[in-house]
């Protein structure tokens, strides 16, 4: 018997869950399909956010010939066959999984055909393509980042696809539970739903049954099923507010659920968003704690996580990094930009190399564009580290 996650795989864009800006009624890809036009692209997102489903839905709706390859598994001969088929058909869509692993030989083989339009490439990747994809490929495709699926997205999908299971009845709190613990993975949510359906008496899925199956505690759930995200938010706000006991409590709740990935991501965000330059060593400490947990497991891993959370809560706080870069981005998005000064362009003969100017190794030069040279994006916060940096900078400029 085929699994529900396979039998309900989307066949058209309107079946896609949670990617409305791409696949919704007025989505970018929906409009391309309406105009019967497709361009090479890369779909980038976490597992189970809909990358493959979007790609196959596109080719289904446009009724175009296509082939699916994996950049790692398939060899050069497989790529040659696709190219020959494209020449015979006049056009071919190539859906390529793990495109970030595409080696140079395969790139060199494909590039001229992608550039000519003979092959329309749809690359799928979980890795950031701005770092992991060769610039030669990147310049020939449009990159679309898929959104993380929210609890509401997953609930909507479960309600839609549960109709494929006869006589199913699922309580609202059980639905919230599945959506919360799926942690953005819709495929996982469907698998959990199907197992629950065949485990439940009379196919009636209750919260108690879900807790029994998952082996995780029943936490209070609100009507929107967002408590999992509320816990993460509470952890961040408690650390930001320097309440060490509350910080440990919410860490404990998240550990009991067993959602290490969310803990890792949120602690990393807090390190740079809320603590930043007030304690610049905290980022590497969090990374070290995360690696320790991966090595020793969640039971003993609770200890390094508690150590780092205690330091985070008690640490001085600074959001000067966030404020600074947001000020820069605000200018850029408003079109407030300028030309790079001549003295630092390329290999300018007028460039003064600061390392050649002792004792402070600093020269009074203009680095910002002329129309932006008075901009002060960074404003130091009142903590020892930033005060010392500011003092050093002022002393440097005096001499």
Protein backbone atom coordinates (compact mmCIF):
# COMPACT_ATOMS: atom_id res chain seq x y z
CA UNK A 1 0.00 0.00 0.00
CA UNK A 2 1.41 3.37 -1.04
CA UNK A 3 1.99 5.96 1.67
CA UNK A 4 -0.28 8.98 1.95
CA UNK A 5 2.69 11.33 1.45
CA UNK A 6 3.20 9.74 -2.00
CA UNK A 7 -0.42 9.37 -3.12
CA UNK A 8 -1.19 13.00 -2.28
CA UNK A 9 1.87 14.51 -4.00
CA UNK A 10 0.71 17.74 -5.69
CA UNK A 11 -0.02 17.59 -9.41
CA UNK A 12 -0.63 21.30 -9.95
CA UNK A 13 0.52 24.54 -8.35
CA UNK A 14 -2.80 25.10 -6.57
CA UNK A 15 -2.11 21.91 -4.57
CA UNK A 16 1.09 23.36 -3.06
CA UNK A 17 0.95 24.17 0.65
CA UNK A 18 2.43 27.36 2.11
CA UNK A 19 4.20 28.94 -0.87
CA UNK A 20 1.56 31.43 -1.99
CA UNK A 21 4.02 34.00 -3.34
CA UNK A 22 5.14 31.39 -5.86
CA UNK A 23 2.23 28.99 -6.30
CA UNK A 24 -0.82 30.90 -5.03
CA UNK A 25 -3.56 32.24 -7.29
CA UNK A 26 -1.47 35.35 -8.01
CA UNK A 27 1.93 33.71 -7.47
CA UNK A 28 4.95 34.31 -9.68
CA UNK A 29 5.03 30.76 -11.05
CA UNK A 30 1.25 30.65 -11.45
CA UNK A 31 1.46 33.68 -13.74
CA UNK A 32 4.26 32.05 -15.75
CA UNK A 33 2.08 28.97 -16.26
CA UNK A 34 -0.85 31.15 -17.31
CA UNK A 35 1.41 32.69 -19.95
CA UNK A 36 2.77 29.26 -20.91
CA UNK A 37 6.35 30.36 -20.29
CA UNK A 38 9.10 28.93 -18.11
CA UNK A 39 12.63 30.06 -17.29
CA UNK A 40 15.57 28.30 -15.64
CA UNK A 41 15.41 28.59 -11.87
CA UNK A 42 16.68 27.28 -8.57
CA UNK A 43 14.22 26.39 -5.81
CA UNK A 44 15.94 26.71 -2.44
CA UNK A 45 14.45 25.64 0.87
CA UNK A 46 14.43 23.22 3.75
CA UNK A 47 13.39 19.58 3.24
CA UNK A 48 9.65 19.04 2.73
CA UNK A 49 8.86 22.68 1.91
CA UNK A 50 7.70 21.72 -1.61
CA UNK A 51 10.68 22.05 -3.96
CA UNK A 52 10.13 18.82 -5.88
CA UNK A 53 6.35 19.23 -5.80
CA UNK A 54 6.60 22.71 -7.33
CA UNK A 55 8.97 21.48 -10.05
CA UNK A 56 6.79 18.52 -11.05
CA UNK A 57 3.64 20.64 -10.88
CA UNK A 58 5.18 23.11 -13.32
CA UNK A 59 5.97 20.44 -15.90
CA UNK A 60 2.57 18.80 -15.42
CA UNK A 61 0.67 22.04 -15.99
CA UNK A 62 2.75 23.08 -18.97
CA UNK A 63 2.77 19.52 -20.40
CA UNK A 64 6.44 19.85 -21.32
CA UNK A 65 8.93 16.97 -21.70
CA UNK A 66 11.21 16.66 -18.67
CA UNK A 67 13.79 14.49 -17.00
CA UNK A 68 14.90 14.29 -13.36
CA UNK A 69 18.55 13.86 -12.43
CA UNK A 70 20.57 14.04 -9.24
CA UNK A 71 23.79 16.06 -9.44
CA UNK A 72 25.61 13.49 -7.30
CA UNK A 73 24.18 10.16 -8.41
CA UNK A 74 23.81 10.60 -12.16
CA UNK A 75 26.95 10.49 -14.30
CA UNK A 76 28.04 12.47 -17.36
CA UNK A 77 26.51 9.88 -19.72
CA UNK A 78 23.08 10.51 -18.16
CA UNK A 79 23.51 14.23 -18.84
CA UNK A 80 24.49 13.48 -22.45
CA UNK A 81 21.25 11.52 -22.93
CA UNK A 82 19.16 14.44 -21.63
CA UNK A 83 20.93 16.84 -24.00
CA UNK A 84 20.27 14.54 -26.99
CA UNK A 85 16.61 14.24 -26.01
CA UNK A 86 16.41 18.03 -25.74
CA UNK A 87 17.82 18.37 -29.26
CA UNK A 88 15.21 15.91 -30.60
CA UNK A 89 12.31 17.63 -28.78
CA UNK A 90 13.50 21.17 -29.36
CA UNK A 91 13.24 21.85 -25.62
CA UNK A 92 13.59 19.91 -22.37
CA UNK A 93 13.06 20.69 -18.71
CA UNK A 94 15.77 19.23 -16.50
CA UNK A 95 14.84 18.95 -12.83
CA UNK A 96 18.08 18.52 -10.92
CA UNK A 97 18.17 17.56 -7.27
CA UNK A 98 21.13 18.59 -5.09
CA UNK A 99 22.24 21.07 -7.72
CA UNK A 100 24.77 22.53 -5.27
CA UNK A 101 26.80 19.33 -5.82
CA UNK A 102 27.04 19.75 -9.58
CA UNK A 103 30.70 19.32 -10.55
CA UNK A 104 32.59 21.39 -13.11
CA UNK A 105 32.46 18.78 -15.91
CA UNK A 106 28.68 18.56 -15.74
CA UNK A 107 28.37 22.33 -15.48
CA UNK A 108 30.52 22.84 -18.57
CA UNK A 109 28.39 20.30 -20.41
CA UNK A 110 25.07 21.92 -19.49
CA UNK A 111 25.84 25.65 -19.53
CA UNK A 112 25.67 26.32 -23.29
CA UNK A 113 22.31 24.52 -23.56
CA UNK A 114 20.88 26.33 -20.53
CA UNK A 115 22.11 29.61 -22.00
CA UNK A 116 20.51 28.88 -25.40
CA UNK A 117 17.23 27.84 -23.77
CA UNK A 118 17.35 24.32 -25.20
CA UNK A 119 17.40 23.07 -21.61
CA UNK A 120 15.28 24.77 -18.95
CA UNK A 121 16.97 23.95 -15.67
CA UNK A 122 15.01 23.65 -12.42
CA UNK A 123 17.55 23.11 -9.66
CA UNK A 124 16.56 21.93 -6.19
CA UNK A 125 18.72 22.55 -3.15
CA UNK A 126 18.64 22.86 0.62
CA UNK A 127 21.91 24.84 0.56
CA UNK A 128 22.10 28.60 0.16
CA UNK A 129 22.69 28.98 -3.61
CA UNK A 130 24.37 32.36 -3.17
CA UNK A 131 27.22 30.45 -1.51
CA UNK A 132 26.93 26.89 -2.78
CA UNK A 133 26.09 27.31 -6.49
CA UNK A 134 28.75 28.12 -9.06
CA UNK A 135 28.39 31.73 -10.30
CA UNK A 136 28.25 30.50 -13.91
CA UNK A 137 25.04 28.61 -13.10
CA UNK A 138 23.70 31.30 -10.78
CA UNK A 139 23.91 34.01 -13.43
CA UNK A 140 21.71 32.00 -15.79
CA UNK A 141 18.85 31.21 -13.40
CA UNK A 142 16.30 32.93 -11.22
CA UNK A 143 16.59 31.95 -7.55
CA UNK A 144 13.43 31.45 -5.49
CA UNK A 145 13.64 30.84 -1.75
CA UNK A 146 10.81 28.74 -0.36
CA UNK A 147 9.27 29.85 2.92
CA UNK A 148 9.42 27.69 6.02
CA UNK A 149 6.02 26.10 6.53
CA UNK A 150 4.13 27.47 9.53
CA UNK A 151 1.94 25.53 11.90
CA UNK A 152 -1.08 27.02 10.10
CA UNK A 153 0.23 25.89 6.70
CA UNK A 154 0.63 22.34 7.98
CA UNK A 155 -2.82 22.29 9.57
CA UNK A 156 -4.34 23.49 6.32
CA UNK A 157 -2.54 20.73 4.42
CA UNK A 158 -3.54 18.04 6.91
CA UNK A 159 -7.20 19.04 6.67
CA UNK A 160 -7.00 18.98 2.89
CA UNK A 161 -5.28 15.62 2.50
CA UNK A 162 -6.92 13.81 5.43
CA UNK A 163 -9.96 13.47 3.15
CA UNK A 164 -8.06 10.63 1.45
CA UNK A 165 -8.44 8.59 4.67
CA UNK A 166 -11.93 7.12 5.01
CA UNK A 167 -13.99 7.87 8.14
CA UNK A 168 -11.14 9.78 9.79
CA UNK A 169 -11.93 11.95 12.78
CA UNK A 170 -9.23 14.14 14.27
CA UNK A 171 -9.67 16.32 17.34
CA UNK A 172 -8.53 19.93 17.04
CA UNK A 173 -5.97 19.61 19.82
CA UNK A 174 -4.53 16.50 18.15
CA UNK A 175 -4.30 18.43 14.88
CA UNK A 176 -2.47 21.24 16.69
CA UNK A 177 -0.10 18.67 18.20
CA UNK A 178 0.81 17.15 14.82
CA UNK A 179 1.30 20.59 13.27
CA UNK A 180 3.52 21.80 16.12
CA UNK A 181 5.75 18.75 16.29
CA UNK A 182 6.17 18.51 12.52
CA UNK A 183 8.42 21.58 12.91
CA UNK A 184 7.73 22.80 9.38
CA UNK A 185 8.08 19.35 7.73
CA UNK A 186 4.81 18.64 5.90
CA UNK A 187 5.92 15.20 4.77
CA UNK A 188 6.56 14.27 8.41
CA UNK A 189 3.13 15.60 9.37
CA UNK A 190 1.42 13.42 6.73
CA UNK A 191 3.36 10.35 7.88
CA UNK A 192 2.36 11.00 11.49
CA UNK A 193 -1.25 11.52 10.46
CA UNK A 194 -1.37 8.25 8.53
CA UNK A 195 0.21 6.22 11.34
CA UNK A 196 -2.23 7.77 13.82
CA UNK A 197 -5.16 6.93 11.55
CA UNK A 198 -4.28 3.23 11.43
CA UNK A 199 -3.50 3.16 15.17
CA UNK A 200 -6.61 4.96 16.40
CA UNK A 201 -9.72 3.11 17.46
CA UNK A 202 -12.44 3.77 14.87
CA UNK A 203 -9.91 6.09 13.17
CA UNK A 204 -10.55 8.73 15.85
CA UNK A 205 -7.29 10.61 16.48
CA UNK A 206 -7.07 12.18 19.93
CA UNK A 207 -4.42 14.20 21.74
CA UNK A 208 -3.77 11.32 24.13
CA UNK A 209 -3.14 8.98 21.21
CA UNK A 210 -0.72 11.46 19.65
CA UNK A 211 1.27 11.77 22.88
CA UNK A 212 1.42 7.97 23.12
CA UNK A 213 2.65 7.59 19.54
CA UNK A 214 5.15 10.44 19.61
CA UNK A 215 6.42 9.74 23.13
CA UNK A 216 6.50 13.47 23.80
CA UNK A 217 4.62 15.45 26.47
CA UNK A 218 1.26 17.08 25.90
CA UNK A 219 1.85 20.80 26.21
CA UNK A 220 -0.97 23.28 26.48
CA UNK A 221 -2.03 24.17 22.94
CA UNK A 222 -3.84 27.30 21.87
CA UNK A 223 -6.52 27.31 19.22
CA UNK A 224 -3.98 28.17 16.52
CA UNK A 225 -1.49 25.47 17.50
CA UNK A 226 1.31 28.02 17.83
CA UNK A 227 2.57 27.10 21.30
CA UNK A 228 5.73 25.56 19.90
CA UNK A 229 6.67 28.90 18.37
CA UNK A 230 5.53 30.73 21.49
CA UNK A 231 8.02 28.65 23.50
CA UNK A 232 10.85 29.69 21.20
CA UNK A 233 9.74 33.30 21.46
CA UNK A 234 9.52 33.07 25.24
CA UNK A 235 13.05 31.63 25.39
CA UNK A 236 14.40 34.54 23.36
CA UNK A 237 12.50 37.19 25.32
CA UNK A 238 13.61 35.69 28.65
CA UNK A 239 17.28 35.70 27.58
CA UNK A 240 16.89 39.22 26.17
CA UNK A 241 15.28 40.28 29.46
CA UNK A 242 18.15 38.69 31.47
CA UNK A 243 15.84 36.37 33.42
CA UNK A 244 18.05 33.32 33.87
CA UNK A 245 15.40 31.17 35.58
CA UNK A 246 12.77 31.76 32.91
CA UNK A 247 15.40 31.14 30.22
CA UNK A 248 16.24 27.75 31.73
CA UNK A 249 12.56 26.87 32.11
CA UNK A 250 11.76 27.47 28.44
CA UNK A 251 14.94 25.66 27.41
CA UNK A 252 13.75 22.71 29.51
CA UNK A 253 10.34 22.74 27.82
CA UNK A 254 11.96 22.67 24.39
CA UNK A 255 14.37 19.91 25.44
CA UNK A 256 11.47 17.82 26.70
CA UNK A 257 9.84 18.14 23.28
CA UNK A 258 13.15 17.10 21.75
CA UNK A 259 13.28 19.80 19.08
CA UNK A 260 17.02 20.37 19.01
CA UNK A 261 17.12 21.99 15.57
CA UNK A 262 14.82 24.81 16.69
CA UNK A 263 16.86 25.31 19.87
CA UNK A 264 20.10 25.49 17.87
CA UNK A 265 18.70 27.98 15.38
CA UNK A 266 17.09 30.21 18.01
CA UNK A 267 20.13 30.36 20.30
CA UNK A 268 22.30 31.30 17.32
CA UNK A 269 19.89 34.10 16.39
CA UNK A 270 19.81 35.39 19.99
CA UNK A 271 23.62 35.43 20.17
CA UNK A 272 23.87 37.96 17.36
CA UNK A 273 20.53 39.75 17.60
CA UNK A 274 20.36 40.39 21.34
CA UNK A 275 23.88 39.98 22.76
CA UNK A 276 26.12 40.84 19.81
CA UNK A 277 29.08 43.07 20.56
CA UNK A 278 28.30 43.23 24.27
CA UNK A 279 29.75 39.71 24.48
CA UNK A 280 31.21 38.82 21.06
CA UNK A 281 32.56 35.50 22.30
CA UNK A 282 29.07 34.08 22.83
CA UNK A 283 28.56 33.06 19.19
CA UNK A 284 31.50 30.61 19.12
CA UNK A 285 30.47 29.29 22.55
CA UNK A 286 26.98 28.49 21.24
CA UNK A 287 28.47 26.79 18.21
CA UNK A 288 30.71 24.71 20.49
CA UNK A 289 27.70 23.76 22.66
CA UNK A 290 25.72 22.72 19.57
CA UNK A 291 28.58 20.54 18.35
CA UNK A 292 28.86 18.98 21.83
CA UNK A 293 25.15 18.10 21.82
CA UNK A 294 25.48 16.51 18.37
CA UNK A 295 28.37 14.44 19.70
CA UNK A 296 26.94 13.30 23.04
CA UNK A 297 23.19 13.33 22.45
CA UNK A 298 20.27 15.17 24.01
CA UNK A 299 20.43 13.61 27.50
CA UNK A 300 23.95 14.77 28.36
CA UNK A 301 23.61 17.59 25.83
CA UNK A 302 21.21 19.35 28.18
CA UNK A 303 24.28 20.35 30.25
CA UNK A 304 26.28 22.36 27.67
CA UNK A 305 23.02 23.94 26.50
CA UNK A 306 22.13 25.00 30.03
CA UNK A 307 25.63 26.43 30.57
CA UNK A 308 25.46 28.55 27.45
CA UNK A 309 21.87 29.70 28.13
CA UNK A 310 22.83 30.80 31.66
CA UNK A 311 25.69 32.89 30.25
CA UNK A 312 23.42 34.32 27.54
CA UNK A 313 20.79 35.37 30.07
CA UNK A 314 23.32 36.96 32.43
CA UNK A 315 25.40 38.54 29.66
CA UNK A 316 25.19 42.26 28.82
CA UNK A 317 23.03 42.89 25.76
CA UNK A 318 23.50 44.86 22.55
CA UNK A 319 21.51 44.99 19.30
CA UNK A 320 23.81 47.53 17.66
CA UNK A 321 24.68 45.07 14.87
CA UNK A 322 21.03 44.60 13.88
CA UNK A 323 20.28 48.32 14.06
CA UNK A 324 23.36 49.17 11.98
CA UNK A 325 22.76 46.75 9.12
CA UNK A 326 19.04 47.56 9.03
CA UNK A 327 19.92 51.25 8.62
CA UNK A 328 22.20 50.35 5.71
CA UNK A 329 19.57 48.14 4.06
CA UNK A 330 16.94 50.84 4.52
CA UNK A 331 19.09 53.30 2.55
CA UNK A 332 19.86 50.76 -0.17
CA UNK A 333 16.18 49.79 -0.58
CA UNK A 334 15.24 53.45 -0.87
CA UNK A 335 17.78 53.84 -3.68
CA UNK A 336 20.14 55.89 -1.52
CA UNK A 337 23.41 54.56 -2.93
CA UNK A 338 26.48 56.01 -4.58
CA UNK A 339 29.58 55.30 -6.62
CA UNK A 340 32.52 53.60 -4.92
CA UNK A 341 35.24 56.26 -4.41
CA UNK A 342 38.04 56.22 -6.99
CA UNK A 343 40.74 55.76 -4.33
CA UNK A 344 39.43 52.28 -3.40
CA UNK A 345 38.30 51.05 -6.82
CA UNK A 346 40.10 47.99 -8.14
CA UNK A 347 43.86 48.48 -8.07
CA UNK A 348 43.80 52.26 -7.78
CA UNK A 349 47.26 53.83 -7.77
CA UNK A 350 45.93 56.35 -5.22
CA UNK A 351 44.97 53.72 -2.66
CA UNK A 352 46.77 54.13 0.66
CA UNK A 353 47.44 50.76 2.30
CA UNK A 354 46.82 51.32 6.05
CA UNK A 355 49.36 48.68 7.10
CA UNK A 356 52.07 50.94 5.65
CA UNK A 357 51.21 53.81 8.02
CA UNK A 358 52.51 53.15 11.55
CA UNK A 359 52.07 53.64 14.43
CA UNK A 360 48.25 53.43 14.24
CA UNK A 361 48.08 51.81 10.79
CA UNK A 362 45.29 54.16 9.78
CA UNK A 363 44.89 56.83 7.10
CA UNK A 364 42.29 59.55 6.86
CA UNK A 365 40.56 58.33 3.74
CA UNK A 366 37.00 58.37 2.40
CA UNK A 367 35.57 54.90 1.87
CA UNK A 368 31.85 55.60 1.60
CA UNK A 369 30.42 57.07 -1.63
CA UNK A 370 30.66 60.87 -1.70
CA UNK A 371 26.92 61.39 -1.14
CA UNK A 372 26.94 59.04 1.88
CA UNK A 373 30.20 60.01 3.57
CA UNK A 374 28.48 61.66 6.55
CA UNK A 375 26.26 58.63 7.26
CA UNK A 376 26.72 57.07 10.73
CA UNK A 377 25.15 53.64 10.57
CA UNK A 378 26.81 52.20 13.66
CA UNK A 379 26.08 53.71 17.06
CA UNK A 380 27.85 51.94 19.97
CA UNK A 381 25.80 50.72 22.90
CA UNK A 382 26.78 51.29 26.52
CA UNK A 383 28.74 48.12 27.26
CA UNK A 384 32.42 47.63 28.01
CA UNK A 385 33.37 45.95 24.75
CA UNK A 386 31.74 48.53 22.49
CA UNK A 387 32.91 51.42 24.66
CA UNK A 388 36.48 50.14 24.31
CA UNK A 389 36.11 49.77 20.53
CA UNK A 390 34.73 53.30 20.31
CA UNK A 391 37.56 54.65 22.48
CA UNK A 392 40.20 52.94 20.29
CA UNK A 393 38.59 54.33 17.14
CA UNK A 394 38.52 57.88 18.50
CA UNK A 395 42.15 57.67 19.62
CA UNK A 396 43.17 56.35 16.18
CA UNK A 397 41.49 59.29 14.44
CA UNK A 398 43.06 61.87 16.75
CA UNK A 399 46.63 61.06 15.70
